[in-house]
């Protein structure tokens, strides 16, 4: 019976969500010799659904190899990735404030999907689940979008916003998993961890 898991994510939101459901975890972060960002590179013609699953499994494989390389005790490893999709277009993490503003303008007054894949692995075993939510943005004044883009909050966020930030005031409707939109769907996560022997 597993007593703890490794979380291979730098996201404070994912840590907070695991703590919310009482999962004891230790961080398993990439070293300076790893190019973690390269795993998130898009491939031409790849759908958002295929992208989020591929990236999450690539992160998991890298984390499992990292645990073994560092000689750490065996325990399940959890990875997750969140992708924002407007139709078939992937709206990833913005490069800078201008890119964030362009992304926010695309989402303004539109409905989009938030796909979060979560994967758990231990030894040769892998399991993955995907949460898909729909988010509707109200029409927001461009000056408000500019201020938000300039605030730094969109950086590191798929779709250039975080639902737990001031951007929540612009979201008129969601359908799906709030925790999934935050970055870790707790229902799917609990099911996966139970399959790996962790009581949640």
Protein backbone atom coordinates (compact mmCIF):
# COMPACT_ATOMS: atom_id res chain seq x y z
CA UNK A 1 0.00 0.00 0.00
CA UNK A 2 1.52 3.30 -1.09
CA UNK A 3 1.89 5.87 1.68
CA UNK A 4 2.92 8.85 -0.44
CA UNK A 5 3.41 9.92 -4.03
CA UNK A 6 5.91 12.00 -5.96
CA UNK A 7 4.50 15.10 -7.64
CA UNK A 8 6.51 16.00 -10.73
CA UNK A 9 5.17 19.54 -11.08
CA UNK A 10 6.31 23.00 -10.06
CA UNK A 11 2.72 24.25 -9.88
CA UNK A 12 1.76 25.49 -6.39
CA UNK A 13 -1.88 24.98 -7.37
CA UNK A 14 -1.36 21.25 -7.90
CA UNK A 15 0.32 20.97 -4.50
CA UNK A 16 -2.60 22.83 -2.93
CA UNK A 17 -5.13 20.55 -4.61
CA UNK A 18 -3.36 17.38 -3.45
CA UNK A 19 -3.24 18.79 0.07
CA UNK A 20 -6.97 19.50 -0.18
CA UNK A 21 -7.70 15.78 -0.56
CA UNK A 22 -5.08 14.75 2.01
CA UNK A 23 -2.48 13.21 -0.29
CA UNK A 24 1.03 13.23 1.18
CA UNK A 25 3.46 14.05 -1.59
CA UNK A 26 7.07 14.95 -2.22
CA UNK A 27 8.25 17.05 -5.13
CA UNK A 28 10.22 15.38 -7.91
CA UNK A 29 11.34 18.31 -10.04
CA UNK A 30 13.59 18.39 -13.12
CA UNK A 31 17.26 19.06 -12.57
CA UNK A 32 19.31 21.73 -14.32
CA UNK A 33 20.38 19.12 -16.88
CA UNK A 34 16.79 18.52 -18.05
CA UNK A 35 14.95 20.58 -20.66
CA UNK A 36 11.45 20.26 -19.23
CA UNK A 37 10.03 22.97 -21.51
CA UNK A 38 11.01 20.98 -24.62
CA UNK A 39 8.48 18.31 -23.65
CA UNK A 40 5.68 20.84 -24.18
CA UNK A 41 6.61 21.73 -27.77
CA UNK A 42 3.64 21.43 -30.11
CA UNK A 43 3.68 19.19 -33.17
CA UNK A 44 2.18 20.33 -36.44
CA UNK A 45 -1.38 19.12 -36.95
CA UNK A 46 -1.66 17.68 -33.42
CA UNK A 47 -5.09 18.00 -31.82
CA UNK A 48 -5.39 19.51 -28.33
CA UNK A 49 -6.60 16.14 -26.99
CA UNK A 50 -3.64 14.24 -28.44
CA UNK A 51 -1.24 16.98 -27.36
CA UNK A 52 -2.22 17.03 -23.68
CA UNK A 53 -2.03 13.24 -23.41
CA UNK A 54 1.34 13.01 -25.18
CA UNK A 55 2.90 15.78 -23.10
CA UNK A 56 1.63 14.35 -19.82
CA UNK A 57 2.97 10.86 -20.58
CA UNK A 58 6.31 12.36 -21.68
CA UNK A 59 6.50 14.24 -18.37
CA UNK A 60 5.70 11.02 -16.52
CA UNK A 61 8.40 9.03 -18.34
CA UNK A 62 10.95 11.76 -17.58
CA UNK A 63 9.93 11.85 -13.91
CA UNK A 64 10.09 8.07 -13.50
CA UNK A 65 13.57 8.05 -15.01
CA UNK A 66 14.52 10.94 -12.69
CA UNK A 67 13.37 9.04 -9.59
CA UNK A 68 15.38 5.98 -10.60
CA UNK A 69 18.46 8.05 -11.49
CA UNK A 70 18.38 9.76 -8.10
CA UNK A 71 17.98 6.47 -6.25
CA UNK A 72 14.82 7.60 -4.46
CA UNK A 73 12.42 5.16 -2.77
CA UNK A 74 9.82 3.59 -5.04
CA UNK A 75 6.40 5.27 -4.93
CA UNK A 76 3.79 6.31 -7.49
CA UNK A 77 4.70 9.38 -9.56
CA UNK A 78 2.01 11.86 -10.61
CA UNK A 79 2.24 14.25 -13.57
CA UNK A 80 -0.32 16.57 -15.10
CA UNK A 81 -0.64 19.01 -17.97
CA UNK A 82 -3.31 21.57 -18.81
CA UNK A 83 -4.12 22.79 -22.29
CA UNK A 84 -6.56 25.48 -23.40
CA UNK A 85 -8.20 24.89 -26.78
CA UNK A 86 -10.18 27.32 -28.90
CA UNK A 87 -11.65 25.00 -31.48
CA UNK A 88 -8.70 22.95 -32.73
CA UNK A 89 -6.19 25.66 -31.80
CA UNK A 90 -3.93 25.12 -28.78
CA UNK A 91 -3.47 28.24 -26.65
CA UNK A 92 -0.36 27.53 -24.63
CA UNK A 93 1.65 29.50 -22.12
CA UNK A 94 2.33 33.04 -23.33
CA UNK A 95 5.87 34.04 -24.28
CA UNK A 96 5.45 37.59 -22.95
CA UNK A 97 2.81 40.21 -22.06
CA UNK A 98 2.04 40.94 -25.73
CA UNK A 99 1.48 37.26 -26.43
CA UNK A 100 -0.71 37.03 -23.30
CA UNK A 101 -2.82 39.95 -24.51
CA UNK A 102 -3.24 38.37 -27.94
CA UNK A 103 -4.39 35.12 -26.32
CA UNK A 104 -6.84 36.91 -24.00
CA UNK A 105 -8.30 38.78 -26.97
CA UNK A 106 -8.88 35.41 -28.70
CA UNK A 107 -10.77 34.12 -25.65
CA UNK A 108 -12.73 37.33 -25.07
CA UNK A 109 -16.46 36.71 -25.48
CA UNK A 110 -15.82 33.11 -26.55
CA UNK A 111 -16.31 29.60 -25.22
CA UNK A 112 -13.25 27.37 -25.01
CA UNK A 113 -12.20 23.99 -23.64
CA UNK A 114 -9.74 23.31 -20.84
CA UNK A 115 -8.19 19.86 -21.05
CA UNK A 116 -6.19 18.54 -18.13
CA UNK A 117 -4.55 15.14 -18.32
CA UNK A 118 -3.27 13.44 -15.19
CA UNK A 119 -1.03 10.39 -15.26
CA UNK A 120 0.35 8.13 -12.55
CA UNK A 121 3.15 5.65 -12.97
CA UNK A 122 5.19 3.22 -10.89
CA UNK A 123 7.73 0.81 -12.35
CA UNK A 124 6.54 -0.21 -15.81
CA UNK A 125 2.91 0.62 -15.08
CA UNK A 126 1.26 3.78 -16.45
CA UNK A 127 -2.32 5.08 -16.24
CA UNK A 128 -3.83 8.29 -17.59
CA UNK A 129 -7.15 10.11 -17.42
CA UNK A 130 -8.31 13.32 -19.07
CA UNK A 131 -10.74 15.92 -17.73
CA UNK A 132 -12.41 18.21 -20.28
CA UNK A 133 -14.22 21.34 -19.15
CA UNK A 134 -15.90 24.15 -21.04
CA UNK A 135 -15.36 27.77 -20.03
CA UNK A 136 -17.24 30.80 -21.35
CA UNK A 137 -15.62 34.23 -21.19
CA UNK A 138 -17.83 37.28 -21.06
CA UNK A 139 -16.95 40.20 -23.32
CA UNK A 140 -14.35 42.22 -21.43
CA UNK A 141 -13.14 45.76 -22.03
CA UNK A 142 -9.78 45.75 -23.83
CA UNK A 143 -8.19 47.98 -21.19
CA UNK A 144 -8.97 45.36 -18.52
CA UNK A 145 -7.32 42.69 -20.69
CA UNK A 146 -4.26 44.94 -21.08
CA UNK A 147 -3.95 45.44 -17.33
CA UNK A 148 -4.23 41.72 -16.66
CA UNK A 149 -1.70 40.86 -19.37
CA UNK A 150 0.74 43.41 -17.92
CA UNK A 151 0.27 42.13 -14.34
CA UNK A 152 2.41 39.04 -14.91
CA UNK A 153 -0.39 36.74 -13.76
CA UNK A 154 -0.84 35.11 -17.22
CA UNK A 155 2.79 33.96 -17.41
CA UNK A 156 3.19 30.22 -17.07
CA UNK A 157 -0.56 29.67 -17.53
CA UNK A 158 -2.07 27.82 -20.48
CA UNK A 159 -4.52 30.18 -22.17
CA UNK A 160 -2.87 33.14 -20.36
CA UNK A 161 -5.21 33.10 -17.36
CA UNK A 162 -5.83 31.37 -14.05
CA UNK A 163 -9.41 30.71 -12.96
CA UNK A 164 -8.47 31.39 -9.32
CA UNK A 165 -7.18 34.88 -10.21
CA UNK A 166 -9.00 38.13 -11.02
CA UNK A 167 -9.86 36.58 -14.41
CA UNK A 168 -12.59 34.66 -12.56
CA UNK A 169 -14.71 37.82 -12.79
CA UNK A 170 -14.81 37.40 -16.57
CA UNK A 171 -15.99 33.78 -16.57
CA UNK A 172 -19.75 33.64 -17.04
CA UNK A 173 -20.11 29.85 -17.12
CA UNK A 174 -18.14 26.66 -16.62
CA UNK A 175 -19.15 23.06 -17.26
CA UNK A 176 -16.88 20.33 -15.97
CA UNK A 177 -14.24 20.22 -13.26
CA UNK A 178 -13.20 23.41 -11.44
CA UNK A 179 -10.12 21.66 -10.05
CA UNK A 180 -9.36 20.40 -13.56
CA UNK A 181 -9.42 23.97 -14.85
CA UNK A 182 -7.06 24.90 -12.00
CA UNK A 183 -4.66 22.21 -13.17
CA UNK A 184 -5.45 18.91 -11.40
CA UNK A 185 -8.87 17.21 -11.73
CA UNK A 186 -9.38 15.79 -8.26
CA UNK A 187 -12.00 13.18 -9.15
CA UNK A 188 -9.81 11.60 -11.83
CA UNK A 189 -6.72 11.98 -9.64
CA UNK A 190 -8.36 10.17 -6.73
CA UNK A 191 -9.45 7.33 -9.00
CA UNK A 192 -5.94 6.90 -10.40
CA UNK A 193 -4.31 6.99 -6.96
CA UNK A 194 -6.77 4.40 -5.67
CA UNK A 195 -5.76 2.13 -8.57
CA UNK A 196 -2.16 2.47 -7.35
CA UNK A 197 -3.06 1.57 -3.78
CA UNK A 198 -3.31 5.03 -2.24
CA UNK A 199 -6.36 5.68 -0.09
CA UNK A 200 -7.92 9.10 -0.78
